[in-house]
Amino acid sequence: MITFKVAQTKTGKPMVEVWRDDIFIAGILEYKEGLRLVSEYYDGVQSELGLPPSVIIKFSERLRRAKGTKRG
């Protein structure tokens, strides 16, 4: 299950943390032209041309076996 937590970066700026099964998998941060999503677990990005257009970001299944990535 994916969950979201509001947090702050080391510099004090707001961010959203993305978690899956108690493992930190991504961070969403402000960027001058929009949003920046950072992760070690990208497995693909897919664009959908509906109304409104959207982006699907897939995360690797290997993170379920990752160790030492728990935060909190």
PDB file of N, CA and C in Angstrom:
ATOM      1  N   MET A   1       0.829  -1.163   0.000  1.00  0.00           N
ATOM      2  CA  MET A   1       0.000   0.000   0.000  1.00  0.00           C
ATOM      3  C   MET A   1       0.891   1.250   0.000  1.00  0.00           C
ATOM      4  N   ILE A   2       0.585   2.192  -0.857  1.00  0.00           N
ATOM      5  CA  ILE A   2       1.343   3.437  -0.931  1.00  0.00           C
ATOM      6  C   ILE A   2       0.678   4.471  -0.026  1.00  0.00           C
ATOM      7  N   THR A   3       1.514   5.162   0.784  1.00  0.00           N
ATOM      8  CA  THR A   3       1.027   6.228   1.650  1.00  0.00           C
ATOM      9  C   THR A   3       1.898   7.466   1.446  1.00  0.00           C
ATOM     10  N   PHE A   4       1.380   8.602   1.883  1.00  0.00           N
ATOM     11  CA  PHE A   4       2.061   9.880   1.727  1.00  0.00           C
ATOM     12  C   PHE A   4       2.187  10.554   3.085  1.00  0.00           C
ATOM     13  N   LYS A   5       3.319  11.233   3.300  1.00  0.00           N
ATOM     14  CA  LYS A   5       3.540  11.986   4.535  1.00  0.00           C
ATOM     15  C   LYS A   5       4.099  13.354   4.167  1.00  0.00           C
ATOM     16  N   VAL A   6       3.610  14.386   4.840  1.00  0.00           N
ATOM     17  CA  VAL A   6       4.156  15.725   4.647  1.00  0.00           C
ATOM     18  C   VAL A   6       5.385  15.850   5.537  1.00  0.00           C
ATOM     19  N   ALA A   7       6.473  16.380   4.980  1.00  0.00           N
ATOM     20  CA  ALA A   7       7.734  16.497   5.713  1.00  0.00           C
ATOM     21  C   ALA A   7       8.456  17.754   5.252  1.00  0.00           C
ATOM     22  N   GLN A   8       9.692  17.910   5.713  1.00  0.00           N
ATOM     23  CA  GLN A   8      10.537  19.017   5.281  1.00  0.00           C
ATOM     24  C   GLN A   8      11.874  18.473   4.805  1.00  0.00           C
ATOM     25  N   THR A   9      12.455  19.161   3.823  1.00  0.00           N
ATOM     26  CA  THR A   9      13.797  18.813   3.379  1.00  0.00           C
ATOM     27  C   THR A   9      14.795  19.268   4.440  1.00  0.00           C
ATOM     28  N   LYS A  10      16.046  18.931   4.259  1.00  0.00           N
ATOM     29  CA  LYS A  10      17.091  19.366   5.195  1.00  0.00           C
ATOM     30  C   LYS A  10      17.208  20.880   5.240  1.00  0.00           C
ATOM     31  N   THR A  11      16.792  21.555   4.156  1.00  0.00           N
ATOM     32  CA  THR A  11      16.854  23.018   4.116  1.00  0.00           C
ATOM     33  C   THR A  11      15.567  23.665   4.628  1.00  0.00           C
ATOM     34  N   GLY A  12      14.611  22.860   5.073  1.00  0.00           N
ATOM     35  CA  GLY A  12      13.373  23.390   5.635  1.00  0.00           C
ATOM     36  C   GLY A  12      12.240  23.598   4.657  1.00  0.00           C
ATOM     37  N   LYS A  13      12.434  23.231   3.389  1.00  0.00           N
ATOM     38  CA  LYS A  13      11.361  23.382   2.401  1.00  0.00           C
ATOM     39  C   LYS A  13      10.377  22.220   2.525  1.00  0.00           C
ATOM     40  N   PRO A  14       9.093  22.476   2.240  1.00  0.00           N
ATOM     41  CA  PRO A  14       8.108  21.393   2.341  1.00  0.00           C
ATOM     42  C   PRO A  14       8.305  20.347   1.248  1.00  0.00           C
ATOM     43  N   MET A  15       7.975  19.109   1.586  1.00  0.00           N
ATOM     44  CA  MET A  15       8.017  18.011   0.615  1.00  0.00           C
ATOM     45  C   MET A  15       6.970  16.983   1.005  1.00  0.00           C
ATOM     46  N   VAL A  16       6.669  16.097   0.084  1.00  0.00           N
ATOM     47  CA  VAL A  16       5.794  14.962   0.350  1.00  0.00           C
ATOM     48  C   VAL A  16       6.634  13.705   0.216  1.00  0.00           C
ATOM     49  N   GLU A  17       6.613  12.853   1.235  1.00  0.00           N
ATOM     50  CA  GLU A  17       7.314  11.573   1.178  1.00  0.00           C
ATOM     51  C   GLU A  17       6.334  10.508   0.698  1.00  0.00           C
ATOM     52  N   VAL A  18       6.800   9.621  -0.173  1.00  0.00           N
ATOM     53  CA  VAL A  18       5.991   8.522  -0.687  1.00  0.00           C
ATOM     54  C   VAL A  18       6.544   7.237  -0.077  1.00  0.00           C
ATOM     55  N   TRP A  19       5.688   6.464   0.564  1.00  0.00           N
ATOM     56  CA  TRP A  19       6.076   5.232   1.261  1.00  0.00           C
ATOM     57  C   TRP A  19       5.293   4.049   0.712  1.00  0.00           C
ATOM     58  N   ARG A  20       5.940   2.906   0.643  1.00  0.00           N
ATOM     59  CA  ARG A  20       5.237   1.653   0.307  1.00  0.00           C
ATOM     60  C   ARG A  20       5.634   0.630   1.362  1.00  0.00           C
ATOM     61  N   ASP A  21       4.639   0.127   2.074  1.00  0.00           N
ATOM     62  CA  ASP A  21       4.871  -0.891   3.098  1.00  0.00           C
ATOM     63  C   ASP A  21       6.008  -0.489   4.039  1.00  0.00           C
ATOM     64  N   ASP A  22       5.955   0.730   4.574  1.00  0.00           N
ATOM     65  CA  ASP A  22       6.934   1.253   5.531  1.00  0.00           C
ATOM     66  C   ASP A  22       8.332   1.453   4.952  1.00  0.00           C
ATOM     67  N   ILE A  23       8.467   1.507   3.638  1.00  0.00           N
ATOM     68  CA  ILE A  23       9.748   1.775   2.987  1.00  0.00           C
ATOM     69  C   ILE A  23       9.612   3.085   2.209  1.00  0.00           C
ATOM     70  N   PHE A  24      10.519   4.036   2.471  1.00  0.00           N
ATOM     71  CA  PHE A  24      10.533   5.310   1.753  1.00  0.00           C
ATOM     72  C   PHE A  24      10.946   5.046   0.311  1.00  0.00           C
ATOM     73  N   ILE A  25      10.086   5.420  -0.652  1.00  0.00           N
ATOM     74  CA  ILE A  25      10.405   5.133  -2.051  1.00  0.00           C
ATOM     75  C   ILE A  25      10.578   6.377  -2.915  1.00  0.00           C
ATOM     76  N   ALA A  26      10.059   7.537  -2.482  1.00  0.00           N
ATOM     77  CA  ALA A  26      10.181   8.728  -3.321  1.00  0.00           C
ATOM     78  C   ALA A  26       9.895   9.992  -2.519  1.00  0.00           C
ATOM     79  N   GLY A  27      10.366  11.094  -3.061  1.00  0.00           N
ATOM     80  CA  GLY A  27      10.067  12.399  -2.495  1.00  0.00           C
ATOM     81  C   GLY A  27       9.538  13.312  -3.586  1.00  0.00           C
ATOM     82  N   ILE A  28       8.553  14.131  -3.246  1.00  0.00           N
ATOM     83  CA  ILE A  28       7.990  15.099  -4.185  1.00  0.00           C
ATOM     84  C   ILE A  28       8.313  16.484  -3.640  1.00  0.00           C
ATOM     85  N   LEU A  29       9.014  17.264  -4.452  1.00  0.00           N
ATOM     86  CA  LEU A  29       9.494  18.576  -4.021  1.00  0.00           C
ATOM     87  C   LEU A  29       9.083  19.659  -5.004  1.00  0.00           C
ATOM     88  N   GLU A  30       9.060  20.890  -4.518  1.00  0.00           N
ATOM     89  CA  GLU A  30       8.809  22.038  -5.374  1.00  0.00           C
ATOM     90  C   GLU A  30       9.973  22.205  -6.353  1.00  0.00           C
ATOM     91  N   TYR A  31       9.649  22.602  -7.571  1.00  0.00           N
ATOM     92  CA  TYR A  31      10.661  22.864  -8.592  1.00  0.00           C
ATOM     93  C   TYR A  31      10.247  24.141  -9.305  1.00  0.00           C
ATOM     94  N   LYS A  32      11.184  24.909  -9.809  1.00  0.00           N
ATOM     95  CA  LYS A  32      10.833  26.221 -10.374  1.00  0.00           C
ATOM     96  C   LYS A  32       9.800  26.148 -11.496  1.00  0.00           C
ATOM     97  N   GLU A  33       9.785  25.079 -12.280  1.00  0.00           N
ATOM     98  CA  GLU A  33       8.792  24.939 -13.349  1.00  0.00           C
ATOM     99  C   GLU A  33       7.658  23.980 -13.001  1.00  0.00           C
ATOM    100  N   GLY A  34       7.644  23.452 -11.774  1.00  0.00           N
ATOM    101  CA  GLY A  34       6.592  22.510 -11.418  1.00  0.00           C
ATOM    102  C   GLY A  34       6.969  21.674 -10.209  1.00  0.00           C
ATOM    103  N   LEU A  35       7.004  20.366 -10.400  1.00  0.00           N
ATOM    104  CA  LEU A  35       7.324  19.431  -9.328  1.00  0.00           C
ATOM    105  C   LEU A  35       8.521  18.585  -9.696  1.00  0.00           C
ATOM    106  N   ARG A  36       9.278  18.176  -8.698  1.00  0.00           N
ATOM    107  CA  ARG A  36      10.389  17.243  -8.893  1.00  0.00           C
ATOM    108  C   ARG A  36      10.079  16.004  -8.061  1.00  0.00           C
ATOM    109  N   LEU A  37      10.098  14.843  -8.685  1.00  0.00           N
ATOM    110  CA  LEU A  37       9.900  13.589  -7.988  1.00  0.00           C
ATOM    111  C   LEU A  37      11.212  12.817  -8.048  1.00  0.00           C
ATOM    112  N   VAL A  38      11.772  12.492  -6.889  1.00  0.00           N
ATOM    113  CA  VAL A  38      13.054  11.796  -6.841  1.00  0.00           C
ATOM    114  C   VAL A  38      12.873  10.416  -6.221  1.00  0.00           C
ATOM    115  N   SER A  39      13.542   9.420  -6.798  1.00  0.00           N
ATOM    116  CA  SER A  39      13.432   8.055  -6.296  1.00  0.00           C
ATOM    117  C   SER A  39      14.557   7.193  -6.858  1.00  0.00           C
ATOM    118  N   GLU A  40      14.954   6.207  -6.087  1.00  0.00           N
ATOM    119  CA  GLU A  40      15.913   5.205  -6.551  1.00  0.00           C
ATOM    120  C   GLU A  40      15.207   4.028  -7.205  1.00  0.00           C
ATOM    121  N   TYR A  41      13.882   4.044  -7.214  1.00  0.00           N
ATOM    122  CA  TYR A  41      13.114   2.864  -7.596  1.00  0.00           C
ATOM    123  C   TYR A  41      12.259   3.031  -8.844  1.00  0.00           C
ATOM    124  N   TYR A  42      12.585   3.993  -9.728  1.00  0.00           N
ATOM    125  CA  TYR A  42      11.806   4.147 -10.954  1.00  0.00           C
ATOM    126  C   TYR A  42      11.853   2.881 -11.794  1.00  0.00           C
ATOM    127  N   ASP A  43      10.701   2.539 -12.342  1.00  0.00           N
ATOM    128  CA  ASP A  43      10.641   1.385 -13.236  1.00  0.00           C
ATOM    129  C   ASP A  43       9.928   1.739 -14.532  1.00  0.00           C
ATOM    130  N   GLY A  44       9.561   2.984 -14.686  1.00  0.00           N
ATOM    131  CA  GLY A  44       8.930   3.407 -15.924  1.00  0.00           C
ATOM    132  C   GLY A  44       7.985   4.569 -15.692  1.00  0.00           C
ATOM    133  N   VAL A  45       7.793   5.350 -16.759  1.00  0.00           N
ATOM    134  CA  VAL A  45       6.870   6.474 -16.735  1.00  0.00           C
ATOM    135  C   VAL A  45       5.994   6.353 -17.966  1.00  0.00           C
ATOM    136  N   GLN A  46       4.703   6.557 -17.774  1.00  0.00           N
ATOM    137  CA  GLN A  46       3.751   6.419 -18.865  1.00  0.00           C
ATOM    138  C   GLN A  46       2.864   7.659 -18.895  1.00  0.00           C
ATOM    139  N   SER A  47       2.681   8.265 -20.065  1.00  0.00           N
ATOM    140  CA  SER A  47       1.793   9.416 -20.214  1.00  0.00           C
ATOM    141  C   SER A  47       0.444   8.943 -20.721  1.00  0.00           C
ATOM    142  N   GLU A  48      -0.611   9.561 -20.197  1.00  0.00           N
ATOM    143  CA  GLU A  48      -1.966   9.285 -20.676  1.00  0.00           C
ATOM    144  C   GLU A  48      -2.550  10.578 -21.223  1.00  0.00           C
ATOM    145  N   LEU A  49      -3.083  10.526 -22.419  1.00  0.00           N
ATOM    146  CA  LEU A  49      -3.576  11.722 -23.088  1.00  0.00           C
ATOM    147  C   LEU A  49      -5.062  11.949 -22.882  1.00  0.00           C
ATOM    148  N   GLY A  50      -5.596  11.617 -21.744  1.00  0.00           N
ATOM    149  CA  GLY A  50      -7.012  11.873 -21.485  1.00  0.00           C
ATOM    150  C   GLY A  50      -7.229  13.322 -21.099  1.00  0.00           C
ATOM    151  N   LEU A  51      -8.411  13.601 -20.624  1.00  0.00           N
ATOM    152  CA  LEU A  51      -8.715  14.928 -20.098  1.00  0.00           C
ATOM    153  C   LEU A  51      -9.023  14.789 -18.625  1.00  0.00           C
ATOM    154  N   PRO A  52      -8.238  15.278 -17.757  1.00  0.00           N
ATOM    155  CA  PRO A  52      -6.974  15.956 -18.004  1.00  0.00           C
ATOM    156  C   PRO A  52      -5.858  14.957 -18.264  1.00  0.00           C
ATOM    157  N   PRO A  53      -4.796  15.376 -18.964  1.00  0.00           N
ATOM    158  CA  PRO A  53      -3.661  14.490 -19.187  1.00  0.00           C
ATOM    159  C   PRO A  53      -3.039  14.085 -17.849  1.00  0.00           C
ATOM    160  N   SER A  54      -2.433  12.917 -17.802  1.00  0.00           N
ATOM    161  CA  SER A  54      -1.819  12.451 -16.551  1.00  0.00           C
ATOM    162  C   SER A  54      -0.539  11.687 -16.842  1.00  0.00           C
ATOM    163  N   VAL A  55       0.212  11.441 -15.781  1.00  0.00           N
ATOM    164  CA  VAL A  55       1.447  10.675 -15.859  1.00  0.00           C
ATOM    165  C   VAL A  55       1.370   9.577 -14.809  1.00  0.00           C
ATOM    166  N   ILE A  56       1.720   8.358 -15.189  1.00  0.00           N
ATOM    167  CA  ILE A  56       1.793   7.238 -14.259  1.00  0.00           C
ATOM    168  C   ILE A  56       3.257   6.916 -14.047  1.00  0.00           C
ATOM    169  N   ILE A  57       3.682   6.877 -12.794  1.00  0.00           N
ATOM    170  CA  ILE A  57       5.066   6.563 -12.465  1.00  0.00           C
ATOM    171  C   ILE A  57       5.075   5.207 -11.779  1.00  0.00           C
ATOM    172  N   LYS A  58       5.810   4.271 -12.365  1.00  0.00           N
ATOM    173  CA  LYS A  58       5.872   2.920 -11.816  1.00  0.00           C
ATOM    174  C   LYS A  58       7.145   2.757 -11.007  1.00  0.00           C
ATOM    175  N   PHE A  59       7.028   2.061  -9.881  1.00  0.00           N
ATOM    176  CA  PHE A  59       8.169   1.788  -9.023  1.00  0.00           C
ATOM    177  C   PHE A  59       8.499   0.309  -9.078  1.00  0.00           C
ATOM    178  N   SER A  60       9.763   0.005  -9.005  1.00  0.00           N
ATOM    179  CA  SER A  60      10.260  -1.362  -9.110  1.00  0.00           C
ATOM    180  C   SER A  60       9.724  -2.247  -8.002  1.00  0.00           C
ATOM    181  N   GLU A  61       9.471  -3.487  -8.328  1.00  0.00           N
ATOM    182  CA  GLU A  61       9.066  -4.464  -7.325  1.00  0.00           C
ATOM    183  C   GLU A  61      10.237  -4.856  -6.442  1.00  0.00           C
ATOM    184  N   ARG A  62      11.477  -4.600  -6.863  1.00  0.00           N
ATOM    185  CA  ARG A  62      12.646  -4.978  -6.071  1.00  0.00           C
ATOM    186  C   ARG A  62      12.683  -4.259  -4.735  1.00  0.00           C
ATOM    187  N   LEU A  63      11.970  -3.132  -4.616  1.00  0.00           N
ATOM    188  CA  LEU A  63      12.006  -2.411  -3.351  1.00  0.00           C
ATOM    189  C   LEU A  63      11.350  -3.209  -2.242  1.00  0.00           C
ATOM    190  N   ARG A  64      10.482  -4.125  -2.576  1.00  0.00           N
ATOM    191  CA  ARG A  64       9.851  -4.948  -1.542  1.00  0.00           C
ATOM    192  C   ARG A  64      10.890  -5.802  -0.829  1.00  0.00           C
ATOM    193  N   ARG A  65      12.002  -6.078  -1.511  1.00  0.00           N
ATOM    194  CA  ARG A  65      13.059  -6.895  -0.921  1.00  0.00           C
ATOM    195  C   ARG A  65      14.220  -6.043  -0.407  1.00  0.00           C
ATOM    196  N   ALA A  66      14.148  -4.727  -0.654  1.00  0.00           N
ATOM    197  CA  ALA A  66      15.249  -3.840  -0.242  1.00  0.00           C
ATOM    198  C   ALA A  66      15.371  -3.799   1.264  1.00  0.00           C
ATOM    199  N   LYS A  67      16.585  -3.726   1.731  1.00  0.00           N
ATOM    200  CA  LYS A  67      16.831  -3.638   3.162  1.00  0.00           C
ATOM    201  C   LYS A  67      17.578  -2.352   3.466  1.00  0.00           C
ATOM    202  N   GLY A  68      17.397  -1.846   4.655  1.00  0.00           N
ATOM    203  CA  GLY A  68      18.094  -0.643   5.054  1.00  0.00           C
ATOM    204  C   GLY A  68      17.502   0.628   4.476  1.00  0.00           C
ATOM    205  N   THR A  69      16.270   0.572   3.935  1.00  0.00           N
ATOM    206  CA  THR A  69      15.673   1.764   3.352  1.00  0.00           C
ATOM    207  C   THR A  69      14.550   2.320   4.214  1.00  0.00           C
ATOM    208  N   LYS A  70      14.333   1.758   5.369  1.00  0.00           N
ATOM    209  CA  LYS A  70      13.279   2.271   6.245  1.00  0.00           C
ATOM    210  C   LYS A  70      13.709   3.604   6.806  1.00  0.00           C
ATOM    211  N   ARG A  71      12.745   4.514   6.884  1.00  0.00           N
ATOM    212  CA  ARG A  71      12.994   5.830   7.459  1.00  0.00           C
ATOM    213  C   ARG A  71      11.878   6.110   8.447  1.00  0.00           C
ATOM    214  N   GLY A  72      12.020   7.140   9.208  1.00  0.00           N
ATOM    215  CA  GLY A  72      10.919   7.554  10.058  1.00  0.00           C
ATOM    216  C   GLY A  72      11.361   7.717  11.415  1.00  0.00           C
TER     217      GLY A  72
END
